[in-house]
N, C-alpha and C. Protein backbone atom coordinates (compact mmCIF):
# COMPACT_ATOMS: atom_id res chain seq x y z
N UNK A 1 59.95 20.88 -34.11
CA UNK A 1 59.24 19.97 -33.48
C UNK A 1 57.74 20.26 -32.98
N UNK A 2 57.76 21.61 -32.53
CA UNK A 2 56.45 22.15 -32.26
C UNK A 2 55.42 22.11 -33.18
N UNK A 3 55.84 22.56 -34.49
CA UNK A 3 54.95 22.61 -35.42
C UNK A 3 54.50 21.28 -36.05
N UNK A 4 55.37 20.26 -35.85
CA UNK A 4 54.99 18.93 -36.17
C UNK A 4 53.96 18.46 -35.30
N UNK A 5 54.14 18.62 -34.01
CA UNK A 5 53.13 18.29 -33.04
C UNK A 5 51.72 18.74 -33.24
N UNK A 6 51.86 20.25 -33.65
CA UNK A 6 50.55 20.79 -33.68
C UNK A 6 49.71 20.49 -35.14
N UNK A 7 50.58 20.10 -36.11
CA UNK A 7 50.02 19.95 -37.46
C UNK A 7 49.02 18.70 -37.48
N UNK A 8 49.34 17.63 -36.85
CA UNK A 8 48.22 16.51 -36.88
C UNK A 8 46.93 16.90 -36.15
N UNK A 9 46.98 17.83 -35.03
CA UNK A 9 45.74 18.32 -34.57
C UNK A 9 44.92 19.22 -35.28
N UNK A 10 45.69 19.94 -36.27
CA UNK A 10 44.83 20.89 -37.09
C UNK A 10 44.11 20.18 -38.10
N UNK A 11 44.77 19.16 -38.60
CA UNK A 11 44.16 18.37 -39.89
C UNK A 11 42.61 17.76 -39.59
N UNK A 12 42.55 17.01 -38.40
CA UNK A 12 41.11 16.58 -38.07
C UNK A 12 40.15 17.60 -37.98
N UNK A 13 40.67 18.77 -37.23
CA UNK A 13 39.72 19.91 -37.06
C UNK A 13 39.26 20.42 -38.24
N UNK A 14 40.16 20.78 -39.12
CA UNK A 14 39.81 21.35 -40.54
C UNK A 14 38.98 20.22 -41.25
N UNK A 15 39.17 19.01 -41.22
CA UNK A 15 38.31 18.01 -41.74
C UNK A 15 36.93 18.02 -41.31
N UNK A 16 36.84 18.06 -39.86
CA UNK A 16 35.43 18.03 -39.27
C UNK A 16 34.72 19.40 -39.75
N UNK A 17 35.44 20.42 -39.85
CA UNK A 17 34.89 21.78 -40.14
C UNK A 17 34.19 21.72 -41.62
N UNK A 18 35.22 21.12 -42.55
CA UNK A 18 34.70 20.93 -43.96
C UNK A 18 33.61 19.94 -44.11
N UNK A 19 33.60 19.01 -43.20
CA UNK A 19 32.32 18.04 -43.36
C UNK A 19 31.10 18.58 -42.91
N UNK A 20 31.24 19.38 -41.70
CA UNK A 20 29.93 20.24 -41.27
C UNK A 20 29.55 21.18 -42.42
N UNK A 21 30.43 21.82 -42.93
CA UNK A 21 30.12 22.92 -44.14
C UNK A 21 29.32 22.09 -45.20
N UNK A 22 30.09 20.97 -45.66
CA UNK A 22 29.56 20.10 -46.69
C UNK A 22 28.22 19.59 -46.28
N UNK A 23 27.94 19.28 -45.02
CA UNK A 23 26.45 18.69 -44.76
C UNK A 23 25.43 19.84 -44.72
N UNK A 24 25.97 20.91 -44.36
CA UNK A 24 24.92 22.07 -44.29
C UNK A 24 24.71 22.47 -45.64
N UNK A 25 25.67 22.45 -46.52
CA UNK A 25 25.23 22.86 -48.00
C UNK A 25 24.26 21.66 -48.55
N UNK A 26 24.57 20.60 -48.31
CA UNK A 26 23.68 19.56 -48.76
C UNK A 26 22.15 19.72 -48.31
N UNK A 27 22.12 19.93 -47.03
CA UNK A 27 20.72 20.16 -46.29
C UNK A 27 20.09 21.30 -47.12
N UNK A 28 20.82 22.50 -47.13
CA UNK A 28 20.37 23.72 -47.73
C UNK A 28 19.74 23.45 -49.04
N UNK A 29 20.66 22.79 -50.05
CA UNK A 29 20.33 22.41 -51.34
C UNK A 29 19.03 21.55 -51.30
N UNK A 30 19.02 20.54 -50.47
CA UNK A 30 17.78 19.68 -50.35
C UNK A 30 16.52 20.35 -50.03
N UNK A 31 16.66 21.48 -49.20
CA UNK A 31 15.49 22.28 -48.86
C UNK A 31 15.01 23.07 -50.00
N UNK A 32 15.98 23.73 -50.74
CA UNK A 32 15.65 24.58 -52.00
C UNK A 32 15.03 23.72 -53.03
N UNK A 33 15.65 22.40 -53.17
CA UNK A 33 15.18 21.45 -54.13
C UNK A 33 13.68 21.20 -53.93
N UNK A 34 13.35 21.01 -52.62
CA UNK A 34 11.89 20.67 -52.32
C UNK A 34 11.05 21.87 -52.50
N UNK A 35 11.57 23.03 -52.37
CA UNK A 35 10.70 24.28 -52.64
C UNK A 35 10.57 24.52 -54.04
N UNK A 36 11.65 24.18 -54.86
CA UNK A 36 11.59 24.23 -56.29
C UNK A 36 10.56 23.20 -56.83
N UNK A 37 10.64 22.06 -56.30
CA UNK A 37 9.64 20.99 -56.74
C UNK A 37 8.24 21.23 -56.43
N UNK A 38 8.00 21.88 -55.42
CA UNK A 38 6.61 22.44 -55.04
C UNK A 38 6.16 23.42 -56.01
N UNK A 39 7.09 24.36 -56.26
CA UNK A 39 6.63 25.38 -57.32
C UNK A 39 6.37 24.58 -58.59
N UNK A 40 7.09 23.69 -59.08
CA UNK A 40 6.65 22.92 -60.21
C UNK A 40 5.35 22.32 -60.25
N UNK A 41 4.97 21.94 -58.86
CA UNK A 41 3.80 21.11 -58.87
C UNK A 41 2.62 22.22 -58.85
N UNK A 42 2.80 23.49 -58.58
CA UNK A 42 1.77 24.61 -58.76
C UNK A 42 1.48 24.66 -60.32
N UNK A 43 2.70 24.62 -61.13
CA UNK A 43 2.50 24.62 -62.43
C UNK A 43 1.70 23.51 -62.97
N UNK A 44 1.79 22.28 -62.40
CA UNK A 44 1.09 21.16 -62.91
C UNK A 44 -0.44 21.23 -62.47
N UNK A 45 -0.58 21.85 -61.38
CA UNK A 45 -1.90 22.01 -60.93
C UNK A 45 -2.82 23.14 -61.89
N UNK A 46 -2.06 24.25 -62.04
CA UNK A 46 -2.71 25.33 -62.82
C UNK A 46 -1.77 25.49 -64.25
N UNK A 47 -2.41 24.84 -65.12
CA UNK A 47 -1.46 24.62 -66.30
C UNK A 47 -1.09 26.11 -67.15
N UNK A 48 -1.99 27.03 -66.78
CA UNK A 48 -1.68 28.38 -67.36
C UNK A 48 -0.37 29.00 -66.72
N UNK A 49 0.16 28.40 -65.68
CA UNK A 49 1.26 28.90 -65.02
C UNK A 49 2.48 28.15 -65.14
N UNK A 50 2.46 27.26 -66.09
CA UNK A 50 3.64 26.25 -66.27
C UNK A 50 4.90 26.94 -66.48
N UNK A 51 4.88 27.89 -67.47
CA UNK A 51 6.12 28.64 -67.89
C UNK A 51 6.68 29.31 -66.53
N UNK A 52 5.64 30.14 -66.00
CA UNK A 52 6.09 30.85 -64.63
C UNK A 52 6.45 29.92 -63.52
N UNK A 53 6.01 28.68 -63.48
CA UNK A 53 6.42 27.73 -62.39
C UNK A 53 7.85 27.33 -62.60
N UNK A 54 8.15 27.01 -64.03
CA UNK A 54 9.40 26.59 -64.45
C UNK A 54 10.55 27.73 -64.24
N UNK A 55 10.19 28.86 -64.50
CA UNK A 55 11.10 30.10 -64.09
C UNK A 55 11.21 30.33 -62.59
N UNK A 56 10.20 30.09 -61.76
CA UNK A 56 10.20 30.43 -60.47
C UNK A 56 11.11 29.36 -59.70
N UNK A 57 10.98 28.22 -60.15
CA UNK A 57 11.63 27.05 -59.64
C UNK A 57 13.42 27.29 -59.84
N UNK A 58 13.51 27.72 -60.95
CA UNK A 58 14.87 27.99 -61.35
C UNK A 58 15.49 29.02 -60.39
N UNK A 59 14.66 30.04 -60.05
CA UNK A 59 15.09 31.21 -59.42
C UNK A 59 15.33 30.76 -57.94
N UNK A 60 14.47 29.75 -57.67
CA UNK A 60 14.72 29.38 -56.04
C UNK A 60 15.93 28.74 -55.99
N UNK A 61 16.46 28.06 -56.90
CA UNK A 61 17.63 27.37 -56.81
C UNK A 61 18.89 28.41 -57.21
N UNK A 62 18.59 29.56 -57.57
CA UNK A 62 19.60 30.50 -58.11
C UNK A 62 20.65 30.83 -56.88
N UNK A 63 20.15 30.94 -55.62
CA UNK A 63 21.17 31.25 -54.42
C UNK A 63 22.25 30.12 -54.39
N UNK A 64 21.85 28.84 -54.78
CA UNK A 64 22.95 27.87 -54.71
C UNK A 64 23.89 28.06 -55.71
N UNK A 65 23.87 28.62 -56.85
CA UNK A 65 24.83 29.01 -57.96
C UNK A 65 25.56 30.11 -57.25
N UNK A 66 25.00 31.01 -56.64
CA UNK A 66 25.73 32.20 -56.19
C UNK A 66 26.52 32.04 -55.17
N UNK A 67 26.11 31.21 -54.28
CA UNK A 67 26.87 30.97 -52.92
C UNK A 67 27.73 29.72 -52.75
N UNK A 68 27.39 28.69 -53.69
CA UNK A 68 27.91 27.36 -53.57
C UNK A 68 28.81 27.07 -54.78
N UNK A 69 28.40 27.66 -55.98
CA UNK A 69 29.24 27.39 -57.17
C UNK A 69 28.41 26.50 -58.16
N UNK A 70 28.92 26.32 -59.24
CA UNK A 70 28.25 25.45 -60.23
C UNK A 70 28.18 24.00 -59.88
N UNK A 71 29.03 23.27 -59.09
CA UNK A 71 28.99 21.96 -58.88
C UNK A 71 27.65 21.62 -58.06
N UNK A 72 27.34 22.58 -57.03
CA UNK A 72 26.19 22.18 -56.22
C UNK A 72 25.01 22.65 -57.02
N UNK A 73 25.05 23.66 -57.73
CA UNK A 73 23.92 24.24 -58.62
C UNK A 73 23.53 23.17 -59.56
N UNK A 74 24.38 22.50 -60.27
CA UNK A 74 24.19 21.33 -61.28
C UNK A 74 23.48 20.19 -60.64
N UNK A 75 24.06 19.97 -59.26
CA UNK A 75 23.40 18.71 -58.59
C UNK A 75 21.99 19.01 -58.12
N UNK A 76 21.65 20.27 -57.76
CA UNK A 76 20.30 20.78 -57.47
C UNK A 76 19.34 20.72 -58.59
N UNK A 77 19.91 21.19 -59.79
CA UNK A 77 19.11 21.08 -60.91
C UNK A 77 18.84 19.80 -61.23
N UNK A 78 19.64 18.87 -61.25
CA UNK A 78 19.52 17.44 -61.70
C UNK A 78 18.39 16.70 -60.78
N UNK A 79 18.54 16.93 -59.46
CA UNK A 79 17.72 16.40 -58.44
C UNK A 79 16.29 17.02 -58.70
N UNK A 80 16.15 18.38 -58.75
CA UNK A 80 14.79 19.01 -59.06
C UNK A 80 14.16 18.44 -60.38
N UNK A 81 15.01 18.46 -61.52
CA UNK A 81 14.48 18.08 -62.72
C UNK A 81 13.96 16.74 -62.80
N UNK A 82 14.68 15.75 -62.08
CA UNK A 82 14.32 14.35 -62.28
C UNK A 82 12.95 14.18 -61.31
N UNK A 83 12.92 14.85 -60.20
CA UNK A 83 11.78 14.69 -59.25
C UNK A 83 10.60 15.32 -59.95
N UNK A 84 10.73 16.33 -60.62
CA UNK A 84 9.66 17.03 -61.36
C UNK A 84 9.08 16.08 -62.47
N UNK A 85 10.03 15.46 -63.29
CA UNK A 85 9.62 14.58 -64.42
C UNK A 85 8.93 13.37 -63.82
N UNK A 86 9.66 12.81 -62.97
CA UNK A 86 9.06 11.38 -62.27
C UNK A 86 7.63 11.77 -61.57
N UNK A 87 7.53 12.76 -60.74
CA UNK A 87 6.27 12.91 -60.03
C UNK A 87 5.19 13.50 -60.87
N UNK A 88 5.69 14.41 -61.97
CA UNK A 88 4.59 14.98 -62.81
C UNK A 88 5.03 15.13 -64.26
N UNK A 89 4.92 13.79 -64.88
CA UNK A 89 5.28 13.58 -66.10
C UNK A 89 4.59 14.23 -67.11
N UNK A 90 3.36 14.60 -66.73
CA UNK A 90 2.43 15.11 -67.67
C UNK A 90 2.52 16.65 -67.65
N UNK A 91 3.32 17.25 -66.75
CA UNK A 91 3.44 18.70 -66.55
C UNK A 91 4.49 19.38 -67.49
N UNK A 92 3.93 20.35 -68.21
CA UNK A 92 4.94 21.03 -69.13
C UNK A 92 5.91 21.97 -68.21
N UNK A 93 5.52 22.31 -67.04
CA UNK A 93 6.51 23.11 -66.23
C UNK A 93 7.61 22.22 -65.85
N UNK A 94 7.50 20.89 -65.50
CA UNK A 94 8.54 19.98 -65.15
C UNK A 94 9.54 19.90 -66.32
N UNK A 95 8.91 19.52 -67.47
CA UNK A 95 9.82 19.40 -68.67
C UNK A 95 10.66 20.70 -69.18
N UNK A 96 9.83 21.84 -68.94
CA UNK A 96 10.42 23.14 -69.21
C UNK A 96 11.56 23.35 -68.33
N UNK A 97 11.40 23.04 -67.10
CA UNK A 97 12.48 23.14 -66.04
C UNK A 97 13.63 22.32 -66.55
N UNK A 98 13.40 21.04 -66.74
CA UNK A 98 14.50 20.15 -67.10
C UNK A 98 15.21 20.47 -68.39
N UNK A 99 14.35 21.01 -69.42
CA UNK A 99 14.98 21.26 -70.74
C UNK A 99 15.60 22.54 -70.96
N UNK A 100 15.18 23.66 -70.11
CA UNK A 100 15.70 24.98 -70.35
C UNK A 100 16.00 25.80 -68.98
N UNK A 101 14.95 26.17 -68.30
CA UNK A 101 15.04 27.17 -67.25
C UNK A 101 15.87 26.67 -65.99
N UNK A 102 16.03 25.34 -65.84
CA UNK A 102 16.67 24.87 -64.76
C UNK A 102 18.13 24.89 -64.76
N UNK A 103 18.71 24.82 -65.99
CA UNK A 103 20.20 25.03 -66.15
C UNK A 103 20.57 26.27 -66.69
N UNK A 104 19.55 27.15 -67.23
CA UNK A 104 19.83 28.26 -68.00
C UNK A 104 20.87 29.18 -66.99
N UNK A 105 20.53 29.49 -65.74
CA UNK A 105 21.46 30.35 -65.09
C UNK A 105 22.90 29.87 -65.08
N UNK A 106 23.06 28.44 -65.12
CA UNK A 106 24.34 28.10 -65.22
C UNK A 106 25.23 28.37 -66.55
N UNK A 107 24.59 28.57 -67.66
CA UNK A 107 25.28 28.81 -68.86
C UNK A 107 25.01 30.42 -69.30
N UNK A 108 24.22 31.01 -68.71
CA UNK A 108 23.91 32.37 -69.04
C UNK A 108 25.20 33.33 -69.00
N UNK A 109 25.90 33.00 -67.93
CA UNK A 109 27.14 33.94 -67.64
C UNK A 109 28.20 33.74 -69.00
N UNK A 110 28.25 32.48 -69.52
CA UNK A 110 28.99 32.13 -70.60
C UNK A 110 28.54 32.78 -71.77
N UNK A 111 27.26 32.76 -72.03
CA UNK A 111 26.66 33.36 -73.16
C UNK A 111 26.79 34.87 -73.01
N UNK A 112 26.50 35.58 -71.99
CA UNK A 112 26.82 36.99 -71.82
C UNK A 112 28.25 37.51 -72.10
N UNK A 113 29.16 36.53 -72.13
CA UNK A 113 30.62 37.08 -72.56
C UNK A 113 30.70 37.26 -73.99
N UNK A 114 29.65 36.91 -74.70
CA UNK A 114 29.86 36.94 -76.20
C UNK A 114 29.43 38.39 -76.43
N UNK A 115 29.62 38.97 -77.74
CA UNK A 115 29.22 40.09 -78.19
C UNK A 115 27.59 40.32 -78.12
N UNK A 116 26.98 41.32 -77.61
CA UNK A 116 25.61 41.27 -77.27
C UNK A 116 24.81 40.69 -78.43
N UNK A 117 24.89 41.04 -79.54
CA UNK A 117 24.03 40.53 -80.72
C UNK A 117 24.18 39.00 -80.81
N UNK A 118 25.49 38.41 -80.82
CA UNK A 118 25.89 37.11 -80.91
C UNK A 118 25.16 36.41 -79.59
N UNK A 119 25.32 37.09 -78.49
CA UNK A 119 24.76 36.38 -77.35
C UNK A 119 23.25 36.19 -77.34
N UNK A 120 22.58 37.19 -77.88
CA UNK A 120 21.09 36.92 -77.96
C UNK A 120 20.74 35.93 -79.22
N UNK A 121 21.47 35.90 -80.17
CA UNK A 121 21.29 34.88 -81.23
C UNK A 121 21.42 33.57 -80.77
N UNK A 122 22.50 33.35 -79.80
CA UNK A 122 22.82 32.07 -79.13
C UNK A 122 21.60 31.68 -78.16
N UNK A 123 21.12 32.65 -77.48
CA UNK A 123 20.14 32.30 -76.62
C UNK A 123 18.87 31.93 -77.22
N UNK A 124 18.46 32.78 -78.24
CA UNK A 124 17.29 32.46 -79.07
C UNK A 124 17.34 31.06 -79.83
N UNK A 125 18.69 30.91 -80.27
CA UNK A 125 18.90 29.39 -80.90
C UNK A 125 18.74 28.20 -79.82
N UNK A 126 19.22 28.66 -78.60
CA UNK A 126 18.97 27.56 -77.61
C UNK A 126 17.46 27.21 -77.38
N UNK A 127 16.69 28.31 -77.20
CA UNK A 127 15.41 28.29 -77.18
C UNK A 127 14.61 27.49 -78.35
N UNK A 128 15.11 27.70 -79.52
CA UNK A 128 14.56 27.08 -80.67
C UNK A 128 14.89 25.66 -80.61
N UNK A 129 16.03 25.15 -80.15
CA UNK A 129 16.39 23.93 -80.06
C UNK A 129 15.51 23.17 -79.07
N UNK A 130 15.41 23.77 -77.99
CA UNK A 130 14.53 23.16 -76.85
C UNK A 130 13.07 22.94 -77.33
N UNK A 131 12.50 24.04 -77.97
CA UNK A 131 11.19 23.85 -78.57
C UNK A 131 11.05 22.86 -79.50
N UNK A 132 11.93 22.69 -80.40
CA UNK A 132 11.91 21.76 -81.50
C UNK A 132 12.04 20.22 -80.64
N UNK A 133 13.00 20.22 -79.69
CA UNK A 133 12.92 18.94 -79.03
C UNK A 133 11.66 18.61 -78.34
N UNK A 134 10.81 19.56 -77.83
CA UNK A 134 9.56 19.28 -77.22
C UNK A 134 8.59 18.71 -78.41
N UNK A 135 8.77 19.47 -79.55
CA UNK A 135 7.75 18.96 -80.54
C UNK A 135 8.09 17.69 -81.09
N UNK A 136 9.44 17.39 -81.22
CA UNK A 136 9.86 15.95 -81.61
C UNK A 136 9.26 15.12 -80.63
N UNK A 137 9.57 15.32 -79.32
CA UNK A 137 8.95 14.22 -78.24
C UNK A 137 7.47 14.10 -78.39
N UNK A 138 6.71 15.22 -78.63
CA UNK A 138 5.24 15.16 -78.57
C UNK A 138 4.76 14.41 -80.02
N UNK A 139 5.61 14.64 -81.13
CA UNK A 139 5.35 14.08 -82.26
C UNK A 139 5.46 12.49 -82.33
N UNK A 140 6.53 12.01 -81.78
CA UNK A 140 6.99 10.65 -81.99
C UNK A 140 6.49 9.84 -80.75
N UNK A 141 6.43 10.49 -79.61
CA UNK A 141 6.03 9.64 -78.38
C UNK A 141 4.54 9.78 -78.29
N UNK A 142 3.83 10.99 -78.21
CA UNK A 142 2.37 11.19 -78.07
C UNK A 142 1.68 10.75 -79.20
N UNK A 143 2.03 11.30 -80.44
CA UNK A 143 1.21 10.99 -81.66
C UNK A 143 1.73 9.84 -82.45
N UNK A 144 2.93 9.05 -82.01
CA UNK A 144 3.20 8.02 -82.63
C UNK A 144 3.91 8.15 -83.92
N UNK A 145 4.24 9.43 -84.17
CA UNK A 145 5.04 9.82 -85.39
C UNK A 145 4.09 9.94 -86.65
N UNK A 146 2.77 10.20 -86.30
CA UNK A 146 1.76 10.17 -87.53
C UNK A 146 1.66 11.69 -87.82
N UNK A 147 1.48 11.78 -89.23
CA UNK A 147 1.31 13.14 -89.79
C UNK A 147 2.71 13.85 -89.84
N UNK A 148 2.56 15.24 -90.14
CA UNK A 148 3.80 16.07 -90.25
C UNK A 148 4.05 16.74 -88.96
N UNK A 149 5.17 17.37 -88.81
CA UNK A 149 5.54 18.08 -87.71
C UNK A 149 4.69 19.35 -87.50
N UNK A 150 4.13 19.94 -88.52
CA UNK A 150 3.21 21.13 -88.55
C UNK A 150 1.86 20.61 -87.98
N UNK A 151 1.45 19.45 -88.30
CA UNK A 151 0.28 18.87 -87.68
C UNK A 151 0.41 18.59 -86.22
N UNK A 152 1.69 18.17 -85.92
CA UNK A 152 1.78 18.05 -84.48
C UNK A 152 1.84 19.29 -83.71
N UNK A 153 2.45 20.27 -84.39
CA UNK A 153 2.50 21.64 -83.67
C UNK A 153 1.05 22.21 -83.43
N UNK A 154 0.17 22.04 -84.37
CA UNK A 154 -0.97 22.36 -84.32
C UNK A 154 -2.03 21.60 -83.38
N UNK A 155 -1.68 20.36 -83.22
CA UNK A 155 -2.54 19.25 -82.59
C UNK A 155 -3.01 19.71 -81.21
N UNK A 156 -2.09 20.32 -80.52
CA UNK A 156 -2.36 20.82 -79.16
C UNK A 156 -3.34 21.96 -78.99
N UNK A 157 -3.76 22.57 -80.11
CA UNK A 157 -4.57 23.73 -80.07
C UNK A 157 -5.94 23.60 -80.81
N UNK A 158 -6.28 22.24 -81.00
CA UNK A 158 -7.49 21.95 -81.65
C UNK A 158 -7.48 22.31 -83.17
N UNK A 159 -8.65 21.78 -83.71
CA UNK A 159 -8.66 21.88 -85.27
C UNK A 159 -9.46 23.13 -85.74
N UNK A 160 -9.80 23.95 -84.78
CA UNK A 160 -10.53 25.12 -85.24
C UNK A 160 -9.66 26.09 -86.09
N UNK A 161 -10.32 27.03 -86.73
CA UNK A 161 -9.58 28.06 -87.56
C UNK A 161 -8.52 28.79 -86.71
N UNK A 162 -8.90 29.03 -85.52
CA UNK A 162 -7.93 29.71 -84.71
C UNK A 162 -6.89 29.09 -84.17
N UNK A 163 -6.89 27.80 -84.32
CA UNK A 163 -5.70 26.96 -83.61
C UNK A 163 -4.30 27.35 -84.10
N UNK A 164 -4.14 27.85 -85.45
CA UNK A 164 -2.72 28.24 -85.97
C UNK A 164 -2.32 29.50 -85.17
N UNK A 165 -3.40 30.42 -85.16
CA UNK A 165 -3.06 31.62 -84.44
C UNK A 165 -2.86 31.47 -83.02
N UNK A 166 -3.51 30.59 -82.35
CA UNK A 166 -3.13 30.40 -80.98
C UNK A 166 -1.68 29.73 -80.68
N UNK A 167 -1.53 28.89 -81.72
CA UNK A 167 -0.26 28.21 -81.64
C UNK A 167 1.02 29.12 -81.67
N UNK A 168 0.85 30.07 -82.73
CA UNK A 168 1.90 30.95 -82.81
C UNK A 168 1.97 32.07 -81.65
N UNK A 169 0.77 32.30 -81.13
CA UNK A 169 0.68 33.28 -80.04
C UNK A 169 1.33 32.57 -78.83
N UNK A 170 1.29 31.27 -78.64
CA UNK A 170 1.97 30.62 -77.61
C UNK A 170 3.39 30.65 -77.81
N UNK A 171 3.89 30.62 -79.04
CA UNK A 171 5.29 30.63 -79.36
C UNK A 171 5.84 32.13 -79.06
N UNK A 172 5.10 33.12 -79.49
CA UNK A 172 5.53 34.40 -79.20
C UNK A 172 5.59 34.73 -77.68
N UNK A 173 4.66 34.27 -76.96
CA UNK A 173 4.55 34.40 -75.44
C UNK A 173 5.77 33.62 -74.87
N UNK A 174 6.29 32.57 -75.32
CA UNK A 174 7.21 31.75 -74.84
C UNK A 174 8.64 32.45 -75.04
N UNK A 175 8.59 33.19 -76.29
CA UNK A 175 9.92 34.03 -76.61
C UNK A 175 10.09 35.17 -75.63
N UNK A 176 8.82 35.87 -75.38
CA UNK A 176 8.73 37.05 -74.50
C UNK A 176 9.08 36.69 -73.12
N UNK A 177 8.61 35.54 -72.67
CA UNK A 177 8.80 35.08 -71.31
C UNK A 177 10.28 34.80 -71.09
N UNK A 178 10.84 34.11 -72.14
CA UNK A 178 12.38 33.82 -72.07
C UNK A 178 13.14 35.02 -71.94
N UNK A 179 12.86 35.96 -72.63
CA UNK A 179 13.56 37.19 -72.69
C UNK A 179 13.48 37.94 -71.16
N UNK A 180 12.21 37.91 -70.75
CA UNK A 180 11.95 38.48 -69.26
C UNK A 180 12.73 37.74 -68.42
N UNK A 181 12.77 36.41 -68.53
CA UNK A 181 13.51 35.45 -67.55
C UNK A 181 14.97 35.87 -67.48
N UNK A 182 15.59 36.19 -68.74
CA UNK A 182 16.97 36.45 -68.77
C UNK A 182 17.27 37.82 -68.20
N UNK A 183 16.32 38.75 -68.41
CA UNK A 183 16.66 40.11 -67.84
C UNK A 183 16.36 40.12 -66.34
N UNK A 184 15.51 39.27 -65.88
CA UNK A 184 15.21 39.26 -64.47
C UNK A 184 16.34 38.60 -63.70
N UNK A 185 16.96 37.71 -64.34
CA UNK A 185 18.43 37.11 -63.79
C UNK A 185 19.45 38.32 -63.67
N UNK A 186 19.52 39.22 -64.66
CA UNK A 186 20.53 40.29 -64.48
C UNK A 186 20.07 41.28 -63.38
N UNK A 187 18.72 41.43 -63.33
CA UNK A 187 18.47 42.36 -62.12
C UNK A 187 18.55 41.73 -60.67
N UNK A 188 18.30 40.56 -60.69
CA UNK A 188 18.51 39.79 -59.32
C UNK A 188 20.09 39.74 -59.14
N UNK A 189 20.92 39.67 -60.06
CA UNK A 189 22.36 39.56 -59.81
C UNK A 189 22.76 41.07 -59.22
N UNK A 190 22.11 42.08 -59.80
CA UNK A 190 22.64 43.53 -59.40
C UNK A 190 22.02 43.68 -57.89
N UNK A 191 20.88 43.19 -57.56
CA UNK A 191 20.40 43.33 -56.23
C UNK A 191 21.19 42.55 -55.31
N UNK A 192 21.52 41.28 -55.73
CA UNK A 192 22.45 40.38 -54.77
C UNK A 192 23.64 41.12 -54.42
N UNK A 193 24.46 41.66 -55.49
CA UNK A 193 25.83 42.25 -55.19
C UNK A 193 25.54 43.68 -54.37
N UNK A 194 24.48 44.22 -54.63
CA UNK A 194 24.34 45.45 -53.81
C UNK A 194 23.66 45.49 -52.45
N UNK A 195 22.78 44.52 -52.33
CA UNK A 195 22.07 44.63 -51.17
C UNK A 195 21.98 43.25 -50.31
N UNK A 196 21.92 42.09 -51.05
CA UNK A 196 21.55 40.67 -50.46
C UNK A 196 22.79 39.83 -50.22
N UNK A 197 23.84 40.28 -50.73
CA UNK A 197 25.06 39.33 -50.64
C UNK A 197 25.44 38.69 -49.37
N UNK A 198 25.55 39.71 -48.32
CA UNK A 198 25.97 39.24 -47.03
C UNK A 198 24.95 38.54 -46.20
N UNK A 199 23.67 38.90 -46.30
CA UNK A 199 22.56 38.24 -45.54
C UNK A 199 22.38 36.87 -46.26
N UNK A 200 22.38 36.78 -47.49
CA UNK A 200 22.16 35.53 -48.18
C UNK A 200 23.29 34.49 -47.97
N UNK A 201 24.65 35.04 -47.84
CA UNK A 201 25.63 34.01 -47.77
C UNK A 201 25.60 33.65 -46.26
N UNK A 202 25.26 34.46 -45.26
CA UNK A 202 25.06 34.06 -43.91
C UNK A 202 23.94 32.95 -43.84
N UNK A 203 22.99 33.23 -44.56
CA UNK A 203 21.74 32.35 -44.38
C UNK A 203 22.06 30.96 -44.94
N UNK A 204 22.98 30.92 -46.13
CA UNK A 204 23.31 29.79 -46.86
C UNK A 204 24.59 29.11 -46.17
N UNK A 205 25.23 29.70 -45.26
CA UNK A 205 26.28 29.24 -44.42
C UNK A 205 27.58 29.11 -45.30
N UNK A 206 27.81 30.24 -46.16
CA UNK A 206 28.90 30.02 -47.33
C UNK A 206 30.29 30.05 -46.40
């Protein structure tokens, strides 16, 4: 009888506790989404930093994945990506975040479970698909589908003789930045588990 009398009192208390925890998590996610959107805005203001801004925005949201899990991380990615595209539709940083860097930390763990060579083949294949998607979007939406995909690929770099060289240089730089981004996530994970876990979880209210 005593346990039956106490049980109804525990349930509302646990419910309030879970409600406060969920509210704090949502507020924290909203704050980090705001910071990530500001980082995307820096990429829109300084176009040379668009790839960097997309990567920084993803790393700002990385604690959400580590402390709250994939559900909150996916929600934060969606909110930041939609805000970035709606507020800065002309920015490559916003589209790069939405198309690759924003969700990459969510799927990287699964890709890393594959054999090393197969994992990198899968990662580079993902980058290729994303870049081809951007090219198709540019070709059909911006240029109206005129000309070939090669012409669309070179269109953003002018018609000078160095246009092709510059285009492939950008592709190479994108691949290099992508690999660095992947390795940076690995290093941050190591630091998180060795030094930052307790402090970050305390700040995040895990």
